[in-house]
């Protein structure tokens, strides 16, 4: 029979960093609200949630890296909304940001969550920021809580 590793109970001392893009704030503000509400529901006090606003999604990785390097946080949540326009600009942003976020997580052995919407239209983005497809900010916070608990129960090198 296999041995299933399950997440540990969240530690009340855990701190969370949230990096959120100003660009498309009508969407990202809702993602942030969802993430914070989910963390609060899990018992995380407000003073254990630090939020840093950056101009756009492209700037998220630098701030996420600085927060991860501080060793102050149990997880870093990255929230943004990149909406396709008339050019391929969105594809370059999405590719660069997604690769950078995954590298930061691996570099610091820390959950760095990708809560950046990559949508074809503003309607799609709003649907995913508390509309008919739920709130991806909330889902990002749920994933952060799960990963923190899981990593605590995994063997280390």
C-alpha atoms as a PDB file:
ATOM      1  CA  UNK A   1       0.000   0.000   0.000  1.00  0.00           C
ATOM      2  CA  UNK A   2       1.220   3.503  -0.772  1.00  0.00           C
ATOM      3  CA  UNK A   3       1.969   6.208   1.775  1.00  0.00           C
ATOM      4  CA  UNK A   4       0.033   9.393   1.059  1.00  0.00           C
ATOM      5  CA  UNK A   5       1.607  12.646   2.196  1.00  0.00           C
ATOM      6  CA  UNK A   6      -1.042  15.149   3.221  1.00  0.00           C
ATOM      7  CA  UNK A   7      -0.684  18.842   4.070  1.00  0.00           C
ATOM      8  CA  UNK A   8       0.030  19.905   7.634  1.00  0.00           C
ATOM      9  CA  UNK A   9      -2.322  22.246   9.425  1.00  0.00           C
ATOM     10  CA  UNK A  10      -1.473  25.891   8.676  1.00  0.00           C
ATOM     11  CA  UNK A  11       0.796  27.512  11.240  1.00  0.00           C
ATOM     12  CA  UNK A  12      -0.654  30.721  12.714  1.00  0.00           C
ATOM     13  CA  UNK A  13       2.820  32.248  12.549  1.00  0.00           C
ATOM     14  CA  UNK A  14       2.997  31.903   8.739  1.00  0.00           C
ATOM     15  CA  UNK A  15       3.236  35.182   6.839  1.00  0.00           C
ATOM     16  CA  UNK A  16       2.031  35.754   3.295  1.00  0.00           C
ATOM     17  CA  UNK A  17       3.221  38.161   0.631  1.00  0.00           C
ATOM     18  CA  UNK A  18       0.924  39.217  -2.170  1.00  0.00           C
ATOM     19  CA  UNK A  19       2.303  41.012  -5.222  1.00  0.00           C
ATOM     20  CA  UNK A  20      -0.491  42.528  -7.280  1.00  0.00           C
ATOM     21  CA  UNK A  21      -0.460  44.478 -10.534  1.00  0.00           C
ATOM     22  CA  UNK A  22      -2.055  47.933 -10.792  1.00  0.00           C
ATOM     23  CA  UNK A  23      -2.723  47.407 -14.512  1.00  0.00           C
ATOM     24  CA  UNK A  24      -6.327  46.231 -14.938  1.00  0.00           C
ATOM     25  CA  UNK A  25      -7.026  47.158 -11.322  1.00  0.00           C
ATOM     26  CA  UNK A  26     -10.762  46.599 -11.841  1.00  0.00           C
ATOM     27  CA  UNK A  27      -9.799  42.925 -12.117  1.00  0.00           C
ATOM     28  CA  UNK A  28      -6.717  42.676  -9.903  1.00  0.00           C
ATOM     29  CA  UNK A  29      -8.439  44.436  -7.003  1.00  0.00           C
ATOM     30  CA  UNK A  30     -11.057  41.693  -7.023  1.00  0.00           C
ATOM     31  CA  UNK A  31      -8.356  39.012  -7.176  1.00  0.00           C
ATOM     32  CA  UNK A  32      -6.685  40.609  -4.157  1.00  0.00           C
ATOM     33  CA  UNK A  33      -9.980  40.778  -2.267  1.00  0.00           C
ATOM     34  CA  UNK A  34     -10.554  37.063  -2.941  1.00  0.00           C
ATOM     35  CA  UNK A  35      -7.047  36.085  -1.854  1.00  0.00           C
ATOM     36  CA  UNK A  36      -7.181  38.111   1.368  1.00  0.00           C
ATOM     37  CA  UNK A  37     -10.660  36.824   2.248  1.00  0.00           C
ATOM     38  CA  UNK A  38      -9.509  33.217   1.777  1.00  0.00           C
ATOM     39  CA  UNK A  39      -6.426  33.736   3.934  1.00  0.00           C
ATOM     40  CA  UNK A  40      -8.547  35.383   6.653  1.00  0.00           C
ATOM     41  CA  UNK A  41     -11.021  32.483   6.552  1.00  0.00           C
ATOM     42  CA  UNK A  42      -8.059  30.143   7.130  1.00  0.00           C
ATOM     43  CA  UNK A  43      -7.182  32.107  10.277  1.00  0.00           C
ATOM     44  CA  UNK A  44      -4.376  34.266   8.911  1.00  0.00           C
ATOM     45  CA  UNK A  45      -4.411  37.619  10.728  1.00  0.00           C
ATOM     46  CA  UNK A  46      -4.273  40.833   8.682  1.00  0.00           C
ATOM     47  CA  UNK A  47      -0.866  41.748  10.082  1.00  0.00           C
ATOM     48  CA  UNK A  48       0.525  38.525   8.551  1.00  0.00           C
ATOM     49  CA  UNK A  49      -0.488  39.569   5.030  1.00  0.00           C
ATOM     50  CA  UNK A  50       1.789  42.030   3.228  1.00  0.00           C
ATOM     51  CA  UNK A  51       0.602  43.470  -0.094  1.00  0.00           C
ATOM     52  CA  UNK A  52       2.884  45.141  -2.636  1.00  0.00           C
ATOM     53  CA  UNK A  53       1.342  46.866  -5.661  1.00  0.00           C
ATOM     54  CA  UNK A  54       3.447  46.990  -8.833  1.00  0.00           C
ATOM     55  CA  UNK A  55       2.686  48.850 -12.089  1.00  0.00           C
ATOM     56  CA  UNK A  56       1.878  45.766 -14.185  1.00  0.00           C
ATOM     57  CA  UNK A  57       2.281  42.010 -14.395  1.00  0.00           C
ATOM     58  CA  UNK A  58       5.741  42.366 -15.960  1.00  0.00           C
ATOM     59  CA  UNK A  59       7.019  43.873 -12.688  1.00  0.00           C
ATOM     60  CA  UNK A  60       5.645  41.112 -10.464  1.00  0.00           C
ATOM     61  CA  UNK A  61       8.653  38.724 -10.618  1.00  0.00           C
ATOM     62  CA  UNK A  62      11.215  41.237  -9.332  1.00  0.00           C
ATOM     63  CA  UNK A  63       9.151  42.096  -6.260  1.00  0.00           C
ATOM     64  CA  UNK A  64       8.181  38.440  -5.739  1.00  0.00           C
ATOM     65  CA  UNK A  65      11.856  37.502  -5.851  1.00  0.00           C
ATOM     66  CA  UNK A  66      12.750  40.159  -3.268  1.00  0.00           C
ATOM     67  CA  UNK A  67       9.966  38.959  -0.983  1.00  0.00           C
ATOM     68  CA  UNK A  68      10.986  35.316  -1.398  1.00  0.00           C
ATOM     69  CA  UNK A  69      14.631  36.169  -0.701  1.00  0.00           C
ATOM     70  CA  UNK A  70      13.667  37.870   2.562  1.00  0.00           C
ATOM     71  CA  UNK A  71      12.835  34.450   4.103  1.00  0.00           C
ATOM     72  CA  UNK A  72      10.002  36.246   5.896  1.00  0.00           C
ATOM     73  CA  UNK A  73       7.123  34.566   4.057  1.00  0.00           C
ATOM     74  CA  UNK A  74       5.683  31.075   3.877  1.00  0.00           C
ATOM     75  CA  UNK A  75       4.331  31.861   0.388  1.00  0.00           C
ATOM     76  CA  UNK A  76       4.256  34.609  -2.206  1.00  0.00           C
ATOM     77  CA  UNK A  77       1.061  35.065  -4.229  1.00  0.00           C
ATOM     78  CA  UNK A  78       1.373  36.789  -7.597  1.00  0.00           C
ATOM     79  CA  UNK A  79      -1.828  38.393  -8.881  1.00  0.00           C
ATOM     80  CA  UNK A  80      -2.299  40.119 -12.217  1.00  0.00           C
ATOM     81  CA  UNK A  81      -4.425  40.282 -15.336  1.00  0.00           C
ATOM     82  CA  UNK A  82      -2.996  40.296 -18.839  1.00  0.00           C
ATOM     83  CA  UNK A  83      -5.689  40.788 -21.454  1.00  0.00           C
ATOM     84  CA  UNK A  84      -5.018  40.156 -25.117  1.00  0.00           C
ATOM     85  CA  UNK A  85      -4.938  43.260 -27.276  1.00  0.00           C
ATOM     86  CA  UNK A  86      -4.355  43.908 -30.959  1.00  0.00           C
ATOM     87  CA  UNK A  87      -0.738  42.685 -30.905  1.00  0.00           C
ATOM     88  CA  UNK A  88       1.157  39.719 -29.451  1.00  0.00           C
ATOM     89  CA  UNK A  89       2.410  41.845 -26.538  1.00  0.00           C
ATOM     90  CA  UNK A  90       0.381  39.777 -24.055  1.00  0.00           C
ATOM     91  CA  UNK A  91       2.101  36.555 -25.126  1.00  0.00           C
ATOM     92  CA  UNK A  92       5.547  37.964 -24.377  1.00  0.00           C
ATOM     93  CA  UNK A  93       4.448  39.217 -20.959  1.00  0.00           C
ATOM     94  CA  UNK A  94       2.735  35.935 -20.071  1.00  0.00           C
ATOM     95  CA  UNK A  95       5.700  33.809 -21.132  1.00  0.00           C
ATOM     96  CA  UNK A  96       8.293  35.914 -19.311  1.00  0.00           C
ATOM     97  CA  UNK A  97       6.303  36.293 -16.112  1.00  0.00           C
ATOM     98  CA  UNK A  98       5.269  32.645 -15.882  1.00  0.00           C
ATOM     99  CA  UNK A  99       8.833  31.411 -16.390  1.00  0.00           C
ATOM    100  CA  UNK A 100      10.218  33.896 -13.868  1.00  0.00           C
ATOM    101  CA  UNK A 101       7.663  32.956 -11.210  1.00  0.00           C
ATOM    102  CA  UNK A 102       8.425  29.247 -11.541  1.00  0.00           C
ATOM    103  CA  UNK A 103      12.164  29.952 -11.313  1.00  0.00           C
ATOM    104  CA  UNK A 104      11.703  32.002  -8.147  1.00  0.00           C
ATOM    105  CA  UNK A 105       9.754  29.180  -6.506  1.00  0.00           C
ATOM    106  CA  UNK A 106      12.465  26.670  -7.320  1.00  0.00           C
ATOM    107  CA  UNK A 107      15.318  29.010  -6.388  1.00  0.00           C
ATOM    108  CA  UNK A 108      13.918  29.709  -2.927  1.00  0.00           C
ATOM    109  CA  UNK A 109      12.137  26.374  -2.322  1.00  0.00           C
ATOM    110  CA  UNK A 110       9.013  28.371  -1.568  1.00  0.00           C
ATOM    111  CA  UNK A 111       5.457  28.360  -2.884  1.00  0.00           C
ATOM    112  CA  UNK A 112       5.287  31.253  -5.348  1.00  0.00           C
ATOM    113  CA  UNK A 113       1.793  31.094  -6.794  1.00  0.00           C
ATOM    114  CA  UNK A 114       0.783  32.073 -10.324  1.00  0.00           C
ATOM    115  CA  UNK A 115      -2.460  33.979  -9.917  1.00  0.00           C
ATOM    116  CA  UNK A 116      -2.132  35.918 -13.141  1.00  0.00           C
ATOM    117  CA  UNK A 117      -5.066  35.790 -15.499  1.00  0.00           C
ATOM    118  CA  UNK A 118      -4.153  35.372 -19.169  1.00  0.00           C
ATOM    119  CA  UNK A 119      -7.393  36.194 -20.928  1.00  0.00           C
ATOM    120  CA  UNK A 120      -8.642  36.952 -24.408  1.00  0.00           C
ATOM    121  CA  UNK A 121     -10.990  39.725 -23.219  1.00  0.00           C
ATOM    122  CA  UNK A 122     -11.822  41.888 -20.233  1.00  0.00           C
ATOM    123  CA  UNK A 123     -15.093  39.965 -19.934  1.00  0.00           C
ATOM    124  CA  UNK A 124     -13.136  36.716 -19.458  1.00  0.00           C
ATOM    125  CA  UNK A 125     -10.930  38.396 -16.847  1.00  0.00           C
ATOM    126  CA  UNK A 126     -13.898  39.698 -14.855  1.00  0.00           C
ATOM    127  CA  UNK A 127     -15.542  36.261 -15.040  1.00  0.00           C
ATOM    128  CA  UNK A 128     -12.444  34.851 -13.311  1.00  0.00           C
ATOM    129  CA  UNK A 129     -12.181  37.637 -10.728  1.00  0.00           C
ATOM    130  CA  UNK A 130     -15.347  36.874  -8.834  1.00  0.00           C
ATOM    131  CA  UNK A 131     -17.694  36.434 -11.785  1.00  0.00           C
ATOM    132  CA  UNK A 132     -19.201  33.260 -13.185  1.00  0.00           C
ATOM    133  CA  UNK A 133     -15.912  31.309 -13.037  1.00  0.00           C
ATOM    134  CA  UNK A 134     -15.109  32.013  -9.394  1.00  0.00           C
ATOM    135  CA  UNK A 135     -12.250  34.083  -8.053  1.00  0.00           C
ATOM    136  CA  UNK A 136      -8.779  32.990  -9.118  1.00  0.00           C
ATOM    137  CA  UNK A 137      -7.273  35.118  -6.337  1.00  0.00           C
ATOM    138  CA  UNK A 138      -9.126  32.996  -3.808  1.00  0.00           C
ATOM    139  CA  UNK A 139      -8.009  29.824  -5.597  1.00  0.00           C
ATOM    140  CA  UNK A 140      -4.424  31.106  -5.520  1.00  0.00           C
ATOM    141  CA  UNK A 141      -4.629  31.588  -1.744  1.00  0.00           C
ATOM    142  CA  UNK A 142      -6.104  28.092  -1.317  1.00  0.00           C
ATOM    143  CA  UNK A 143      -3.218  26.650  -3.335  1.00  0.00           C
ATOM    144  CA  UNK A 144      -0.729  28.595  -1.203  1.00  0.00           C
ATOM    145  CA  UNK A 145      -2.193  27.198   2.020  1.00  0.00           C
ATOM    146  CA  UNK A 146      -2.141  23.664   0.584  1.00  0.00           C
ATOM    147  CA  UNK A 147       1.455  23.934  -0.652  1.00  0.00           C
ATOM    148  CA  UNK A 148       2.755  25.378   2.604  1.00  0.00           C
ATOM    149  CA  UNK A 149       1.220  22.484   4.519  1.00  0.00           C
ATOM    150  CA  UNK A 150       2.394  19.889   2.012  1.00  0.00           C
ATOM    151  CA  UNK A 151       5.980  21.149   1.974  1.00  0.00           C
ATOM    152  CA  UNK A 152       6.071  20.976   5.777  1.00  0.00           C
ATOM    153  CA  UNK A 153       5.314  17.241   5.582  1.00  0.00           C
ATOM    154  CA  UNK A 154       7.686  16.415   2.734  1.00  0.00           C
ATOM    155  CA  UNK A 155      11.169  15.102   3.428  1.00  0.00           C
ATOM    156  CA  UNK A 156      14.027  17.549   2.919  1.00  0.00           C
ATOM    157  CA  UNK A 157      17.339  16.888   1.220  1.00  0.00           C
END
